[in-house]
């Protein structure tokens, strides 16, 4: 079964997103994206847009949050 590993680095100016897939013990890079933001937008909506609302039950998420969060 294919699983996605989603890494997020969020700060005031950008959201960086890396999506990896793991299938049969093999990791592959699916996408690497950086979205610039002005700091007022909702991070969840930016993430949904970057992933095109394509969420799966087996997705794994890792996030790095700014120290002020």
C-alpha atoms as a PDB file:
ATOM      1  CA  UNK A   1       0.000   0.000   0.000  1.00  0.00           C
ATOM      2  CA  UNK A   2       1.353   3.418  -0.967  1.00  0.00           C
ATOM      3  CA  UNK A   3       1.686   5.916   1.893  1.00  0.00           C
ATOM      4  CA  UNK A   4       2.470   9.623   1.713  1.00  0.00           C
ATOM      5  CA  UNK A   5       4.833  11.369   4.080  1.00  0.00           C
ATOM      6  CA  UNK A   6       4.158  15.110   4.192  1.00  0.00           C
ATOM      7  CA  UNK A   7       6.683  17.517   5.699  1.00  0.00           C
ATOM      8  CA  UNK A   8       5.764  21.141   6.408  1.00  0.00           C
ATOM      9  CA  UNK A   9       7.972  24.069   7.401  1.00  0.00           C
ATOM     10  CA  UNK A  10       5.868  27.108   8.208  1.00  0.00           C
ATOM     11  CA  UNK A  11       7.049  30.623   8.991  1.00  0.00           C
ATOM     12  CA  UNK A  12       5.715  34.175   8.654  1.00  0.00           C
ATOM     13  CA  UNK A  13       6.702  34.528   4.989  1.00  0.00           C
ATOM     14  CA  UNK A  14       6.363  31.070   3.466  1.00  0.00           C
ATOM     15  CA  UNK A  15       5.120  27.526   3.701  1.00  0.00           C
ATOM     16  CA  UNK A  16       7.510  24.876   2.441  1.00  0.00           C
ATOM     17  CA  UNK A  17       6.039  21.481   1.667  1.00  0.00           C
ATOM     18  CA  UNK A  18       7.703  18.191   0.766  1.00  0.00           C
ATOM     19  CA  UNK A  19       5.657  15.135  -0.171  1.00  0.00           C
ATOM     20  CA  UNK A  20       7.287  11.715  -0.284  1.00  0.00           C
ATOM     21  CA  UNK A  21       5.681   8.406  -1.168  1.00  0.00           C
ATOM     22  CA  UNK A  22       6.631   5.086   0.390  1.00  0.00           C
ATOM     23  CA  UNK A  23       5.699   1.874  -1.354  1.00  0.00           C
ATOM     24  CA  UNK A  24       7.220  -1.565  -0.817  1.00  0.00           C
ATOM     25  CA  UNK A  25      10.050  -0.040   1.260  1.00  0.00           C
ATOM     26  CA  UNK A  26      11.047   2.481  -1.413  1.00  0.00           C
ATOM     27  CA  UNK A  27      10.863   6.250  -0.821  1.00  0.00           C
ATOM     28  CA  UNK A  28      10.251   8.595  -3.746  1.00  0.00           C
ATOM     29  CA  UNK A  29       9.956  12.382  -3.846  1.00  0.00           C
ATOM     30  CA  UNK A  30       6.484  13.253  -5.132  1.00  0.00           C
ATOM     31  CA  UNK A  31       6.776  17.043  -4.869  1.00  0.00           C
ATOM     32  CA  UNK A  32       8.614  19.913  -3.213  1.00  0.00           C
ATOM     33  CA  UNK A  33       6.788  23.239  -3.039  1.00  0.00           C
ATOM     34  CA  UNK A  34       7.299  26.672  -1.514  1.00  0.00           C
ATOM     35  CA  UNK A  35       4.323  29.021  -1.173  1.00  0.00           C
ATOM     36  CA  UNK A  36       5.008  32.650  -0.299  1.00  0.00           C
ATOM     37  CA  UNK A  37       2.523  34.249   2.085  1.00  0.00           C
ATOM     38  CA  UNK A  38       1.983  37.597   3.738  1.00  0.00           C
ATOM     39  CA  UNK A  39       1.443  36.158   7.232  1.00  0.00           C
ATOM     40  CA  UNK A  40      -2.299  36.901   7.335  1.00  0.00           C
ATOM     41  CA  UNK A  41      -3.565  33.879   5.399  1.00  0.00           C
ATOM     42  CA  UNK A  42      -4.811  30.765   7.178  1.00  0.00           C
ATOM     43  CA  UNK A  43      -2.012  28.139   7.045  1.00  0.00           C
ATOM     44  CA  UNK A  44      -4.553  25.303   6.777  1.00  0.00           C
ATOM     45  CA  UNK A  45      -6.123  26.787   3.652  1.00  0.00           C
ATOM     46  CA  UNK A  46      -2.665  27.296   2.124  1.00  0.00           C
ATOM     47  CA  UNK A  47      -1.832  23.650   2.872  1.00  0.00           C
ATOM     48  CA  UNK A  48      -5.141  22.423   1.429  1.00  0.00           C
ATOM     49  CA  UNK A  49      -4.523  24.428  -1.733  1.00  0.00           C
ATOM     50  CA  UNK A  50      -0.932  23.195  -2.053  1.00  0.00           C
ATOM     51  CA  UNK A  51      -2.113  19.573  -1.707  1.00  0.00           C
ATOM     52  CA  UNK A  52      -5.134  20.261  -3.941  1.00  0.00           C
ATOM     53  CA  UNK A  53      -7.451  18.963  -1.153  1.00  0.00           C
ATOM     54  CA  UNK A  54      -6.082  15.479  -1.830  1.00  0.00           C
ATOM     55  CA  UNK A  55      -5.824  13.904   1.628  1.00  0.00           C
ATOM     56  CA  UNK A  56      -5.587  10.159   2.240  1.00  0.00           C
ATOM     57  CA  UNK A  57      -6.246   8.097   5.353  1.00  0.00           C
ATOM     58  CA  UNK A  58      -2.665   6.757   5.403  1.00  0.00           C
ATOM     59  CA  UNK A  59      -0.970  10.168   5.120  1.00  0.00           C
ATOM     60  CA  UNK A  60       1.678  10.954   7.739  1.00  0.00           C
ATOM     61  CA  UNK A  61       2.379  14.568   8.623  1.00  0.00           C
ATOM     62  CA  UNK A  62       5.427  16.191  10.214  1.00  0.00           C
ATOM     63  CA  UNK A  63       5.487  19.934  10.874  1.00  0.00           C
ATOM     64  CA  UNK A  64       8.111  22.377  12.054  1.00  0.00           C
ATOM     65  CA  UNK A  65       6.432  25.327  13.768  1.00  0.00           C
ATOM     66  CA  UNK A  66       7.993  28.713  14.519  1.00  0.00           C
ATOM     67  CA  UNK A  67       9.041  29.194  18.142  1.00  0.00           C
ATOM     68  CA  UNK A  68       6.418  31.902  18.641  1.00  0.00           C
ATOM     69  CA  UNK A  69       3.543  29.562  17.749  1.00  0.00           C
END
